Amino acid sequence: MSATGILQAATTIAKTTQTAVGAVLPTENYEYLTIFGTYAKGNETGLDIIINFQRTLTGTAYPAVEWTETGGVYTYQAQKYRLTASRNFFIQFYIPAADFVLITQGGSNNDGTPTGTLAASYTLA
């Protein structure tokens, strides 16, 4: 069984803050989330997309993170998918224990006037 839908039609990206791409997706009982998108670059350096997990529909959003090690000290930061040129793309996540997923987007460098657009849809399987 799978589910598909539109997250958002082509919409101008946010410049300085991560902004929701569509609604929070209920993902319970699904194993994979695939996001399909079209980014049309504008007067910004690029676009960052972050996948966030939530336990409840309106709960705290926890971003997927990347861990790095320097001198025995581990630190983390939000895992970002950075686009720096116009393109079609897809991102696939294995999500066997996620109840809800929130996708966010924002400018990658707080520069320019964001005139780029992002259109996105999804498939849950």
PDB file of N, CA and C in Angstrom:
ATOM      1  N   MET A   1       0.841  -1.164   0.000  1.00  0.00           N
ATOM      2  CA  MET A   1       0.000   0.000   0.000  1.00  0.00           C
ATOM      3  C   MET A   1       0.893   1.237   0.000  1.00  0.00           C
ATOM      4  N   SER A   2       0.520   2.242  -0.759  1.00  0.00           N
ATOM      5  CA  SER A   2       1.290   3.480  -0.792  1.00  0.00           C
ATOM      6  C   SER A   2       0.341   4.674  -0.822  1.00  0.00           C
ATOM      7  N   ALA A   3       0.918   5.826  -0.564  1.00  0.00           N
ATOM      8  CA  ALA A   3       0.163   7.079  -0.598  1.00  0.00           C
ATOM      9  C   ALA A   3       1.005   8.104  -1.330  1.00  0.00           C
ATOM     10  N   THR A   4       0.347   8.981  -2.080  1.00  0.00           N
ATOM     11  CA  THR A   4       1.056  10.031  -2.797  1.00  0.00           C
ATOM     12  C   THR A   4       0.315  11.347  -2.611  1.00  0.00           C
ATOM     13  N   GLY A   5       1.027  12.443  -2.851  1.00  0.00           N
ATOM     14  CA  GLY A   5       0.370  13.741  -2.741  1.00  0.00           C
ATOM     15  C   GLY A   5       1.292  14.870  -3.122  1.00  0.00           C
ATOM     16  N   ILE A   6       0.718  16.049  -3.211  1.00  0.00           N
ATOM     17  CA  ILE A   6       1.456  17.270  -3.509  1.00  0.00           C
ATOM     18  C   ILE A   6       1.767  17.960  -2.183  1.00  0.00           C
ATOM     19  N   LEU A   7       3.020  18.294  -1.956  1.00  0.00           N
ATOM     20  CA  LEU A   7       3.381  19.067  -0.771  1.00  0.00           C
ATOM     21  C   LEU A   7       3.152  20.550  -1.028  1.00  0.00           C
ATOM     22  N   GLN A   8       3.636  21.040  -2.175  1.00  0.00           N
ATOM     23  CA  GLN A   8       3.383  22.427  -2.545  1.00  0.00           C
ATOM     24  C   GLN A   8       3.630  22.614  -4.029  1.00  0.00           C
ATOM     25  N   ALA A   9       2.844  23.511  -4.625  1.00  0.00           N
ATOM     26  CA  ALA A   9       3.096  23.938  -6.005  1.00  0.00           C
ATOM     27  C   ALA A   9       4.326  24.834  -5.974  1.00  0.00           C
ATOM     28  N   ALA A  10       4.840  25.231  -7.118  1.00  0.00           N
ATOM     29  CA  ALA A  10       6.029  26.093  -7.170  1.00  0.00           C
ATOM     30  C   ALA A  10       5.797  27.342  -6.324  1.00  0.00           C
ATOM     31  N   THR A  11       6.618  27.494  -5.282  1.00  0.00           N
ATOM     32  CA  THR A  11       6.485  28.576  -4.315  1.00  0.00           C
ATOM     33  C   THR A  11       7.850  29.203  -4.089  1.00  0.00           C
ATOM     34  N   THR A  12       7.910  30.522  -3.969  1.00  0.00           N
ATOM     35  CA  THR A  12       9.179  31.206  -3.700  1.00  0.00           C
ATOM     36  C   THR A  12       9.752  30.720  -2.379  1.00  0.00           C
ATOM     37  N   ILE A  13      11.066  30.438  -2.382  1.00  0.00           N
ATOM     38  CA  ILE A  13      11.697  29.901  -1.183  1.00  0.00           C
ATOM     39  C   ILE A  13      11.860  30.980  -0.118  1.00  0.00           C
ATOM     40  N   ALA A  14      12.073  30.536   1.129  1.00  0.00           N
ATOM     41  CA  ALA A  14      12.325  31.448   2.245  1.00  0.00           C
ATOM     42  C   ALA A  14      13.800  31.825   2.249  1.00  0.00           C
ATOM     43  N   LYS A  15      14.119  33.032   2.719  1.00  0.00           N
ATOM     44  CA  LYS A  15      15.511  33.487   2.685  1.00  0.00           C
ATOM     45  C   LYS A  15      16.286  33.108   3.937  1.00  0.00           C
ATOM     46  N   THR A  16      15.759  33.392   5.114  1.00  0.00           N
ATOM     47  CA  THR A  16      16.567  33.275   6.323  1.00  0.00           C
ATOM     48  C   THR A  16      16.135  32.175   7.279  1.00  0.00           C
ATOM     49  N   THR A  17      14.930  31.681   7.178  1.00  0.00           N
ATOM     50  CA  THR A  17      14.467  30.665   8.119  1.00  0.00           C
ATOM     51  C   THR A  17      13.962  29.437   7.379  1.00  0.00           C
ATOM     52  N   GLN A  18      14.045  28.301   8.035  1.00  0.00           N
ATOM     53  CA  GLN A  18      13.477  27.092   7.481  1.00  0.00           C
ATOM     54  C   GLN A  18      11.955  27.203   7.580  1.00  0.00           C
ATOM     55  N   THR A  19      11.283  26.982   6.456  1.00  0.00           N
ATOM     56  CA  THR A  19       9.838  27.135   6.344  1.00  0.00           C
ATOM     57  C   THR A  19       9.234  25.813   5.889  1.00  0.00           C
ATOM     58  N   ALA A  20       8.080  25.466   6.424  1.00  0.00           N
ATOM     59  CA  ALA A  20       7.425  24.195   6.084  1.00  0.00           C
ATOM     60  C   ALA A  20       7.137  24.101   4.594  1.00  0.00           C
ATOM     61  N   VAL A  21       7.363  22.918   4.066  1.00  0.00           N
ATOM     62  CA  VAL A  21       6.991  22.588   2.690  1.00  0.00           C
ATOM     63  C   VAL A  21       5.733  21.744   2.810  1.00  0.00           C
ATOM     64  N   GLY A  22       4.583  22.362   2.624  1.00  0.00           N
ATOM     65  CA  GLY A  22       3.328  21.638   2.762  1.00  0.00           C
ATOM     66  C   GLY A  22       3.017  21.304   4.211  1.00  0.00           C
ATOM     67  N   ALA A  23       2.147  20.333   4.385  1.00  0.00           N
ATOM     68  CA  ALA A  23       1.682  19.934   5.706  1.00  0.00           C
ATOM     69  C   ALA A  23       2.567  18.840   6.300  1.00  0.00           C
ATOM     70  N   VAL A  24       2.424  18.638   7.588  1.00  0.00           N
ATOM     71  CA  VAL A  24       3.083  17.519   8.261  1.00  0.00           C
ATOM     72  C   VAL A  24       2.467  16.231   7.712  1.00  0.00           C
ATOM     73  N   LEU A  25       3.318  15.262   7.365  1.00  0.00           N
ATOM     74  CA  LEU A  25       2.837  14.002   6.785  1.00  0.00           C
ATOM     75  C   LEU A  25       2.715  12.919   7.848  1.00  0.00           C
ATOM     76  N   PRO A  26       1.539  12.280   7.962  1.00  0.00           N
ATOM     77  CA  PRO A  26       1.436  11.122   8.851  1.00  0.00           C
ATOM     78  C   PRO A  26       2.122   9.931   8.169  1.00  0.00           C
ATOM     79  N   THR A  27       3.138   9.374   8.803  1.00  0.00           N
ATOM     80  CA  THR A  27       3.942   8.325   8.161  1.00  0.00           C
ATOM     81  C   THR A  27       3.886   6.990   8.890  1.00  0.00           C
ATOM     82  N   GLU A  28       3.058   6.880   9.920  1.00  0.00           N
ATOM     83  CA  GLU A  28       2.940   5.628  10.653  1.00  0.00           C
ATOM     84  C   GLU A  28       2.525   4.502   9.700  1.00  0.00           C
ATOM     85  N   ASN A  29       3.128   3.355   9.853  1.00  0.00           N
ATOM     86  CA  ASN A  29       2.872   2.153   9.039  1.00  0.00           C
ATOM     87  C   ASN A  29       3.474   2.220   7.640  1.00  0.00           C
ATOM     88  N   TYR A  30       4.303   3.201   7.364  1.00  0.00           N
ATOM     89  CA  TYR A  30       5.041   3.263   6.112  1.00  0.00           C
ATOM     90  C   TYR A  30       6.523   3.087   6.405  1.00  0.00           C
ATOM     91  N   GLU A  31       7.262   2.588   5.446  1.00  0.00           N
ATOM     92  CA  GLU A  31       8.697   2.375   5.641  1.00  0.00           C
ATOM     93  C   GLU A  31       9.566   3.353   4.865  1.00  0.00           C
ATOM     94  N   TYR A  32       9.048   3.884   3.768  1.00  0.00           N
ATOM     95  CA  TYR A  32       9.853   4.782   2.934  1.00  0.00           C
ATOM     96  C   TYR A  32       9.077   6.044   2.592  1.00  0.00           C
ATOM     97  N   LEU A  33       9.793   7.159   2.645  1.00  0.00           N
ATOM     98  CA  LEU A  33       9.277   8.441   2.184  1.00  0.00           C
ATOM     99  C   LEU A  33      10.171   8.897   1.043  1.00  0.00           C
ATOM    100  N   THR A  34       9.582   9.183  -0.101  1.00  0.00           N
ATOM    101  CA  THR A  34      10.327   9.729  -1.228  1.00  0.00           C
ATOM    102  C   THR A  34       9.747  11.096  -1.546  1.00  0.00           C
ATOM    103  N   ILE A  35      10.624  12.086  -1.578  1.00  0.00           N
ATOM    104  CA  ILE A  35      10.225  13.449  -1.922  1.00  0.00           C
ATOM    105  C   ILE A  35      10.723  13.740  -3.325  1.00  0.00           C
ATOM    106  N   PHE A  36       9.837  14.194  -4.185  1.00  0.00           N
ATOM    107  CA  PHE A  36      10.180  14.582  -5.549  1.00  0.00           C
ATOM    108  C   PHE A  36      10.055  16.099  -5.623  1.00  0.00           C
ATOM    109  N   GLY A  37      11.066  16.759  -6.169  1.00  0.00           N
ATOM    110  CA  GLY A  37      11.012  18.213  -6.201  1.00  0.00           C
ATOM    111  C   GLY A  37      11.588  18.811  -7.467  1.00  0.00           C
ATOM    112  N   THR A  38      11.218  20.050  -7.697  1.00  0.00           N
ATOM    113  CA  THR A  38      11.776  20.850  -8.782  1.00  0.00           C
ATOM    114  C   THR A  38      12.188  22.186  -8.186  1.00  0.00           C
ATOM    115  N   TYR A  39      13.474  22.470  -8.275  1.00  0.00           N
ATOM    116  CA  TYR A  39      14.019  23.730  -7.775  1.00  0.00           C
ATOM    117  C   TYR A  39      14.422  24.572  -8.975  1.00  0.00           C
ATOM    118  N   ALA A  40      13.881  25.788  -9.050  1.00  0.00           N
ATOM    119  CA  ALA A  40      14.273  26.753 -10.074  1.00  0.00           C
ATOM    120  C   ALA A  40      15.053  27.841  -9.358  1.00  0.00           C
ATOM    121  N   LYS A  41      16.369  27.879  -9.562  1.00  0.00           N
ATOM    122  CA  LYS A  41      17.245  28.804  -8.854  1.00  0.00           C
ATOM    123  C   LYS A  41      16.946  30.240  -9.248  1.00  0.00           C
ATOM    124  N   GLY A  42      16.972  31.092  -8.244  1.00  0.00           N
ATOM    125  CA  GLY A  42      16.783  32.514  -8.462  1.00  0.00           C
ATOM    126  C   GLY A  42      18.032  33.277  -8.059  1.00  0.00           C
ATOM    127  N   ASN A  43      17.854  34.404  -7.396  1.00  0.00           N
ATOM    128  CA  ASN A  43      18.951  35.278  -6.998  1.00  0.00           C
ATOM    129  C   ASN A  43      19.506  34.908  -5.623  1.00  0.00           C
ATOM    130  N   GLU A  44      19.466  33.639  -5.252  1.00  0.00           N
ATOM    131  CA  GLU A  44      20.007  33.173  -3.991  1.00  0.00           C
ATOM    132  C   GLU A  44      21.134  32.178  -4.281  1.00  0.00           C
ATOM    133  N   THR A  45      22.001  31.965  -3.291  1.00  0.00           N
ATOM    134  CA  THR A  45      23.102  31.021  -3.467  1.00  0.00           C
ATOM    135  C   THR A  45      22.584  29.604  -3.670  1.00  0.00           C
ATOM    136  N   GLY A  46      21.568  29.242  -2.918  1.00  0.00           N
ATOM    137  CA  GLY A  46      21.037  27.897  -3.029  1.00  0.00           C
ATOM    138  C   GLY A  46      19.888  27.678  -2.063  1.00  0.00           C
ATOM    139  N   LEU A  47      19.500  26.425  -1.958  1.00  0.00           N
ATOM    140  CA  LEU A  47      18.348  26.021  -1.164  1.00  0.00           C
ATOM    141  C   LEU A  47      18.740  24.848  -0.290  1.00  0.00           C
ATOM    142  N   ASP A  48      18.379  24.882   0.998  1.00  0.00           N
ATOM    143  CA  ASP A  48      18.581  23.766   1.914  1.00  0.00           C
ATOM    144  C   ASP A  48      17.236  23.140   2.230  1.00  0.00           C
ATOM    145  N   ILE A  49      17.190  21.819   2.154  1.00  0.00           N
ATOM    146  CA  ILE A  49      15.996  21.066   2.530  1.00  0.00           C
ATOM    147  C   ILE A  49      16.369  20.210   3.734  1.00  0.00           C
ATOM    148  N   ILE A  50      15.525  20.227   4.767  1.00  0.00           N
ATOM    149  CA  ILE A  50      15.762  19.453   5.985  1.00  0.00           C
ATOM    150  C   ILE A  50      14.535  18.587   6.257  1.00  0.00           C
ATOM    151  N   ILE A  51      14.779  17.324   6.605  1.00  0.00           N
ATOM    152  CA  ILE A  51      13.717  16.392   6.965  1.00  0.00           C
ATOM    153  C   ILE A  51      13.645  16.350   8.490  1.00  0.00           C
ATOM    154  N   ASN A  52      12.454  16.592   9.041  1.00  0.00           N
ATOM    155  CA  ASN A  52      12.241  16.608  10.490  1.00  0.00           C
ATOM    156  C   ASN A  52      11.242  15.525  10.879  1.00  0.00           C
ATOM    157  N   PHE A  53      11.479  14.883  12.011  1.00  0.00           N
ATOM    158  CA  PHE A  53      10.591  13.836  12.511  1.00  0.00           C
ATOM    159  C   PHE A  53       9.842  14.348  13.726  1.00  0.00           C
ATOM    160  N   GLN A  54       8.584  13.923  13.871  1.00  0.00           N
ATOM    161  CA  GLN A  54       7.748  14.335  14.991  1.00  0.00           C
ATOM    162  C   GLN A  54       7.041  13.118  15.562  1.00  0.00           C
ATOM    163  N   ARG A  55       6.827  13.105  16.893  1.00  0.00           N
ATOM    164  CA  ARG A  55       6.077  12.020  17.538  1.00  0.00           C
ATOM    165  C   ARG A  55       4.576  12.272  17.453  1.00  0.00           C
ATOM    166  N   THR A  56       4.173  13.540  17.431  1.00  0.00           N
ATOM    167  CA  THR A  56       2.760  13.893  17.327  1.00  0.00           C
ATOM    168  C   THR A  56       2.592  14.911  16.207  1.00  0.00           C
ATOM    169  N   LEU A  57       1.378  15.083  15.764  1.00  0.00           N
ATOM    170  CA  LEU A  57       1.097  15.976  14.640  1.00  0.00           C
ATOM    171  C   LEU A  57       1.566  17.404  14.898  1.00  0.00           C
ATOM    172  N   THR A  58       1.406  17.895  16.100  1.00  0.00           N
ATOM    173  CA  THR A  58       1.783  19.275  16.409  1.00  0.00           C
ATOM    174  C   THR A  58       2.979  19.341  17.361  1.00  0.00           C
ATOM    175  N   GLY A  59       3.694  18.245  17.510  1.00  0.00           N
ATOM    176  CA  GLY A  59       4.798  18.184  18.457  1.00  0.00           C
ATOM    177  C   GLY A  59       6.080  18.815  17.955  1.00  0.00           C
ATOM    178  N   THR A  60       7.127  18.647  18.747  1.00  0.00           N
ATOM    179  CA  THR A  60       8.450  19.170  18.426  1.00  0.00           C
ATOM    180  C   THR A  60       9.001  18.500  17.187  1.00  0.00           C
ATOM    181  N   ALA A  61       9.608  19.283  16.298  1.00  0.00           N
ATOM    182  CA  ALA A  61      10.234  18.743  15.085  1.00  0.00           C
ATOM    183  C   ALA A  61      11.706  18.466  15.389  1.00  0.00           C
ATOM    184  N   TYR A  62      12.132  17.222  15.147  1.00  0.00           N
ATOM    185  CA  TYR A  62      13.510  16.811  15.369  1.00  0.00           C
ATOM    186  C   TYR A  62      14.159  16.561  14.010  1.00  0.00           C
ATOM    187  N   PRO A  63      15.139  17.362  13.627  1.00  0.00           N
ATOM    188  CA  PRO A  63      15.750  17.162  12.308  1.00  0.00           C
ATOM    189  C   PRO A  63      16.619  15.911  12.280  1.00  0.00           C
ATOM    190  N   ALA A  64      16.687  15.281  11.111  1.00  0.00           N
ATOM    191  CA  ALA A  64      17.669  14.222  10.900  1.00  0.00           C
ATOM    192  C   ALA A  64      19.028  14.898  11.051  1.00  0.00           C
ATOM    193  N   VAL A  65      19.993  14.232  11.680  1.00  0.00           N
ATOM    194  CA  VAL A  65      21.281  14.873  11.951  1.00  0.00           C
ATOM    195  C   VAL A  65      22.438  14.097  11.351  1.00  0.00           C
ATOM    196  N   GLU A  66      23.544  14.807  11.169  1.00  0.00           N
ATOM    197  CA  GLU A  66      24.818  14.233  10.755  1.00  0.00           C
ATOM    198  C   GLU A  66      25.775  14.396  11.921  1.00  0.00           C
ATOM    199  N   TRP A  67      26.481  13.326  12.263  1.00  0.00           N
ATOM    200  CA  TRP A  67      27.462  13.371  13.341  1.00  0.00           C
ATOM    201  C   TRP A  67      28.851  13.494  12.749  1.00  0.00           C
ATOM    202  N   THR A  68      29.690  14.308  13.379  1.00  0.00           N
ATOM    203  CA  THR A  68      31.089  14.423  12.981  1.00  0.00           C
ATOM    204  C   THR A  68      31.954  14.272  14.226  1.00  0.00           C
ATOM    205  N   GLU A  69      33.174  13.792  14.032  1.00  0.00           N
ATOM    206  CA  GLU A  69      34.094  13.574  15.141  1.00  0.00           C
ATOM    207  C   GLU A  69      35.366  14.357  14.893  1.00  0.00           C
ATOM    208  N   THR A  70      35.764  15.140  15.880  1.00  0.00           N
ATOM    209  CA  THR A  70      37.011  15.893  15.818  1.00  0.00           C
ATOM    210  C   THR A  70      37.723  15.725  17.157  1.00  0.00           C
ATOM    211  N   GLY A  71      38.876  15.119  17.137  1.00  0.00           N
ATOM    212  CA  GLY A  71      39.649  14.933  18.367  1.00  0.00           C
ATOM    213  C   GLY A  71      38.909  14.169  19.440  1.00  0.00           C
ATOM    214  N   GLY A  72      38.111  13.209  19.050  1.00  0.00           N
ATOM    215  CA  GLY A  72      37.374  12.403  20.012  1.00  0.00           C
ATOM    216  C   GLY A  72      36.083  13.016  20.503  1.00  0.00           C
ATOM    217  N   VAL A  73      35.751  14.195  20.008  1.00  0.00           N
ATOM    218  CA  VAL A  73      34.508  14.864  20.405  1.00  0.00           C
ATOM    219  C   VAL A  73      33.520  14.774  19.248  1.00  0.00           C
ATOM    220  N   TYR A  74      32.334  14.267  19.553  1.00  0.00           N
ATOM    221  CA  TYR A  74      31.302  14.127  18.537  1.00  0.00           C
ATOM    222  C   TYR A  74      30.333  15.300  18.621  1.00  0.00           C
ATOM    223  N   THR A  75      30.039  15.891  17.487  1.00  0.00           N
ATOM    224  CA  THR A  75      29.061  16.963  17.407  1.00  0.00           C
ATOM    225  C   THR A  75      28.094  16.642  16.273  1.00  0.00           C
ATOM    226  N   TYR A  76      26.969  17.299  16.278  1.00  0.00           N
ATOM    227  CA  TYR A  76      25.985  17.052  15.228  1.00  0.00           C
ATOM    228  C   TYR A  76      25.428  18.361  14.698  1.00  0.00           C
ATOM    229  N   GLN A  77      24.889  18.255  13.496  1.00  0.00           N
ATOM    230  CA  GLN A  77      24.157  19.369  12.904  1.00  0.00           C
ATOM    231  C   GLN A  77      23.046  18.784  12.045  1.00  0.00           C
ATOM    232  N   ALA A  78      22.054  19.588  11.767  1.00  0.00           N
ATOM    233  CA  ALA A  78      20.943  19.124  10.943  1.00  0.00           C
ATOM    234  C   ALA A  78      21.470  18.658   9.587  1.00  0.00           C
ATOM    235  N   GLN A  79      20.973  17.521   9.137  1.00  0.00           N
ATOM    236  CA  GLN A  79      21.351  17.003   7.827  1.00  0.00           C
ATOM    237  C   GLN A  79      20.603  17.816   6.772  1.00  0.00           C
ATOM    238  N   LYS A  80      21.374  18.479   5.907  1.00  0.00           N
ATOM    239  CA  LYS A  80      20.775  19.352   4.898  1.00  0.00           C
ATOM    240  C   LYS A  80      21.035  18.799   3.510  1.00  0.00           C
ATOM    241  N   TYR A  81      20.026  18.899   2.685  1.00  0.00           N
ATOM    242  CA  TYR A  81      20.178  18.593   1.272  1.00  0.00           C
ATOM    243  C   TYR A  81      20.272  19.941   0.582  1.00  0.00           C
ATOM    244  N   ARG A  82      21.449  20.274   0.060  1.00  0.00           N
ATOM    245  CA  ARG A  82      21.697  21.599  -0.501  1.00  0.00           C
ATOM    246  C   ARG A  82      21.654  21.539  -2.030  1.00  0.00           C
ATOM    247  N   LEU A  83      20.841  22.401  -2.604  1.00  0.00           N
ATOM    248  CA  LEU A  83      20.750  22.539  -4.053  1.00  0.00           C
ATOM    249  C   LEU A  83      21.307  23.903  -4.423  1.00  0.00           C
ATOM    250  N   THR A  84      22.211  23.940  -5.399  1.00  0.00           N
ATOM    251  CA  THR A  84      22.831  25.213  -5.786  1.00  0.00           C
ATOM    252  C   THR A  84      22.592  25.556  -7.252  1.00  0.00           C
ATOM    253  N   ALA A  85      21.804  24.753  -7.932  1.00  0.00           N
ATOM    254  CA  ALA A  85      21.466  25.016  -9.331  1.00  0.00           C
ATOM    255  C   ALA A  85      20.065  24.470  -9.594  1.00  0.00           C
ATOM    256  N   SER A  86      19.411  24.994 -10.603  1.00  0.00           N
ATOM    257  CA  SER A  86      18.079  24.498 -10.966  1.00  0.00           C
ATOM    258  C   SER A  86      18.169  23.023 -11.307  1.00  0.00           C
ATOM    259  N   ARG A  87      17.211  22.254 -10.779  1.00  0.00           N
ATOM    260  CA  ARG A  87      17.214  20.825 -11.062  1.00  0.00           C
ATOM    261  C   ARG A  87      15.954  20.148 -10.536  1.00  0.00           C
ATOM    262  N   ASN A  88      15.679  18.980 -11.098  1.00  0.00           N
ATOM    263  CA  ASN A  88      14.702  18.058 -10.545  1.00  0.00           C
ATOM    264  C   ASN A  88      15.474  17.121  -9.629  1.00  0.00           C
ATOM    265  N   PHE A  89      14.867  16.682  -8.542  1.00  0.00           N
ATOM    266  CA  PHE A  89      15.568  15.816  -7.599  1.00  0.00           C
ATOM    267  C   PHE A  89      14.588  14.920  -6.871  1.00  0.00           C
ATOM    268  N   PHE A  90      15.133  13.893  -6.205  1.00  0.00           N
ATOM    269  CA  PHE A  90      14.347  13.133  -5.256  1.00  0.00           C
ATOM    270  C   PHE A  90      15.225  12.787  -4.068  1.00  0.00           C
ATOM    271  N   ILE A  91      14.594  12.688  -2.900  1.00  0.00           N
ATOM    272  CA  ILE A  91      15.259  12.311  -1.663  1.00  0.00           C
ATOM    273  C   ILE A  91      14.445  11.161  -1.096  1.00  0.00           C
ATOM    274  N   GLN A  92      15.107  10.069  -0.732  1.00  0.00           N
ATOM    275  CA  GLN A  92      14.386   8.935  -0.158  1.00  0.00           C
ATOM    276  C   GLN A  92      14.891   8.666   1.253  1.00  0.00           C
ATOM    277  N   PHE A  93      13.950   8.466   2.178  1.00  0.00           N
ATOM    278  CA  PHE A  93      14.266   8.181   3.574  1.00  0.00           C
ATOM    279  C   PHE A  93      13.640   6.867   3.991  1.00  0.00           C
ATOM    280  N   TYR A  94      14.377   6.108   4.774  1.00  0.00           N
ATOM    281  CA  TYR A  94      13.859   4.904   5.422  1.00  0.00           C
ATOM    282  C   TYR A  94      13.289   5.368   6.760  1.00  0.00           C
ATOM    283  N   ILE A  95      11.989   5.195   6.976  1.00  0.00           N
ATOM    284  CA  ILE A  95      11.322   5.792   8.136  1.00  0.00           C
ATOM    285  C   ILE A  95      10.464   4.780   8.901  1.00  0.00           C
ATOM    286  N   PRO A  96      11.000   3.616   9.296  1.00  0.00           N
ATOM    287  CA  PRO A  96      10.140   2.586   9.887  1.00  0.00           C
ATOM    288  C   PRO A  96       9.517   2.957  11.226  1.00  0.00           C
ATOM    289  N   ALA A  97      10.079   3.915  11.944  1.00  0.00           N
ATOM    290  CA  ALA A  97       9.555   4.242  13.270  1.00  0.00           C
ATOM    291  C   ALA A  97       9.042   5.673  13.371  1.00  0.00           C
ATOM    292  N   ALA A  98       8.960   6.386  12.279  1.00  0.00           N
ATOM    293  CA  ALA A  98       8.509   7.782  12.321  1.00  0.00           C
ATOM    294  C   ALA A  98       6.987   7.852  12.261  1.00  0.00           C
ATOM    295  N   ASP A  99       6.399   8.626  13.147  1.00  0.00           N
ATOM    296  CA  ASP A  99       4.941   8.806  13.139  1.00  0.00           C
ATOM    297  C   ASP A  99       4.519   9.957  12.233  1.00  0.00           C
ATOM    298  N   PHE A 100       5.336  11.040  12.222  1.00  0.00           N
ATOM    299  CA  PHE A 100       5.034  12.210  11.407  1.00  0.00           C
ATOM    300  C   PHE A 100       6.337  12.789  10.873  1.00  0.00           C
ATOM    301  N   VAL A 101       6.286  13.345   9.662  1.00  0.00           N
ATOM    302  CA  VAL A 101       7.458  13.970   9.049  1.00  0.00           C
ATOM    303  C   VAL A 101       7.082  15.361   8.570  1.00  0.00           C
ATOM    304  N   LEU A 102       7.964  16.319   8.852  1.00  0.00           N
ATOM    305  CA  LEU A 102       7.811  17.697   8.392  1.00  0.00           C
ATOM    306  C   LEU A 102       9.020  18.023   7.529  1.00  0.00           C
ATOM    307  N   ILE A 103       8.802  18.469   6.318  1.00  0.00           N
ATOM    308  CA  ILE A 103       9.891  18.865   5.426  1.00  0.00           C
ATOM    309  C   ILE A 103       9.956  20.387   5.457  1.00  0.00           C
ATOM    310  N   THR A 104      11.180  20.929   5.606  1.00  0.00           N
ATOM    311  CA  THR A 104      11.345  22.376   5.605  1.00  0.00           C
ATOM    312  C   THR A 104      12.359  22.781   4.544  1.00  0.00           C
ATOM    313  N   GLN A 105      12.295  24.048   4.140  1.00  0.00           N
ATOM    314  CA  GLN A 105      13.219  24.594   3.141  1.00  0.00           C
ATOM    315  C   GLN A 105      13.583  26.012   3.512  1.00  0.00           C
ATOM    316  N   GLY A 106      14.768  26.421   3.071  1.00  0.00           N
ATOM    317  CA  GLY A 106      15.202  27.794   3.304  1.00  0.00           C
ATOM    318  C   GLY A 106      16.464  28.080   2.517  1.00  0.00           C
ATOM    319  N   GLY A 107      16.768  29.347   2.320  1.00  0.00           N
ATOM    320  CA  GLY A 107      17.970  29.746   1.606  1.00  0.00           C
ATOM    321  C   GLY A 107      19.218  29.229   2.294  1.00  0.00           C
ATOM    322  N   SER A 108      20.239  28.895   1.525  1.00  0.00           N
ATOM    323  CA  SER A 108      21.431  28.279   2.087  1.00  0.00           C
ATOM    324  C   SER A 108      22.445  29.277   2.623  1.00  0.00           C
ATOM    325  N   ASN A 109      22.294  30.567   2.339  1.00  0.00           N
ATOM    326  CA  ASN A 109      23.345  31.499   2.712  1.00  0.00           C
ATOM    327  C   ASN A 109      22.825  32.883   3.116  1.00  0.00           C
ATOM    328  N   ASN A 110      21.525  33.043   3.298  1.00  0.00           N
ATOM    329  CA  ASN A 110      20.930  34.332   3.669  1.00  0.00           C
ATOM    330  C   ASN A 110      21.348  35.464   2.744  1.00  0.00           C
ATOM    331  N   ASP A 111      21.480  35.187   1.467  1.00  0.00           N
ATOM    332  CA  ASP A 111      21.937  36.227   0.551  1.00  0.00           C
ATOM    333  C   ASP A 111      20.974  36.385  -0.615  1.00  0.00           C
ATOM    334  N   GLY A 112      21.142  37.469  -1.320  1.00  0.00           N
ATOM    335  CA  GLY A 112      20.312  37.730  -2.489  1.00  0.00           C
ATOM    336  C   GLY A 112      18.858  37.942  -2.090  1.00  0.00           C
ATOM    337  N   THR A 113      18.046  38.142  -3.075  1.00  0.00           N
ATOM    338  CA  THR A 113      16.601  38.196  -2.878  1.00  0.00           C
ATOM    339  C   THR A 113      16.069  36.875  -3.379  1.00  0.00           C
ATOM    340  N   PRO A 114      15.519  36.058  -2.502  1.00  0.00           N
ATOM    341  CA  PRO A 114      15.114  34.735  -2.952  1.00  0.00           C
ATOM    342  C   PRO A 114      13.983  34.805  -3.977  1.00  0.00           C
ATOM    343  N   THR A 115      14.338  34.547  -5.200  1.00  0.00           N
ATOM    344  CA  THR A 115      13.351  34.522  -6.269  1.00  0.00           C
ATOM    345  C   THR A 115      13.193  33.100  -6.802  1.00  0.00           C
ATOM    346  N   GLY A 116      13.991  32.177  -6.286  1.00  0.00           N
ATOM    347  CA  GLY A 116      13.900  30.780  -6.688  1.00  0.00           C
ATOM    348  C   GLY A 116      12.613  30.159  -6.171  1.00  0.00           C
ATOM    349  N   THR A 117      12.191  29.092  -6.829  1.00  0.00           N
ATOM    350  CA  THR A 117      10.963  28.414  -6.414  1.00  0.00           C
ATOM    351  C   THR A 117      11.222  26.934  -6.183  1.00  0.00           C
ATOM    352  N   LEU A 118      10.374  26.349  -5.350  1.00  0.00           N
ATOM    353  CA  LEU A 118      10.413  24.918  -5.064  1.00  0.00           C
ATOM    354  C   LEU A 118       9.015  24.358  -5.190  1.00  0.00           C
ATOM    355  N   ALA A 119       8.880  23.312  -5.994  1.00  0.00           N
ATOM    356  CA  ALA A 119       7.655  22.532  -6.074  1.00  0.00           C
ATOM    357  C   ALA A 119       7.989  21.143  -5.562  1.00  0.00           C
ATOM    358  N   ALA A 120       7.096  20.537  -4.775  1.00  0.00           N
ATOM    359  CA  ALA A 120       7.424  19.225  -4.190  1.00  0.00           C
ATOM    360  C   ALA A 120       6.183  18.357  -4.046  1.00  0.00           C
ATOM    361  N   SER A 121       6.412  17.057  -4.235  1.00  0.00           N
ATOM    362  CA  SER A 121       5.385  16.043  -4.001  1.00  0.00           C
ATOM    363  C   SER A 121       6.032  14.879  -3.257  1.00  0.00           C
ATOM    364  N   TYR A 122       5.243  13.885  -2.871  1.00  0.00           N
ATOM    365  CA  TYR A 122       5.799  12.780  -2.104  1.00  0.00           C
ATOM    366  C   TYR A 122       5.106  11.457  -2.422  1.00  0.00           C
ATOM    367  N   THR A 123       5.777  10.392  -2.064  1.00  0.00           N
ATOM    368  CA  THR A 123       5.216   9.044  -2.077  1.00  0.00           C
ATOM    369  C   THR A 123       5.614   8.370  -0.778  1.00  0.00           C
ATOM    370  N   LEU A 124       4.661   7.739  -0.136  1.00  0.00           N
ATOM    371  CA  LEU A 124       4.917   6.917   1.044  1.00  0.00           C
ATOM    372  C   LEU A 124       4.665   5.470   0.676  1.00  0.00           C
ATOM    373  N   ALA A 125       5.579   4.597   1.033  1.00  0.00           N
ATOM    374  CA  ALA A 125       5.419   3.174   0.711  1.00  0.00           C
ATOM    375  C   ALA A 125       5.833   2.331   1.898  1.00  0.00           C
TER     376      ALA A 125
END
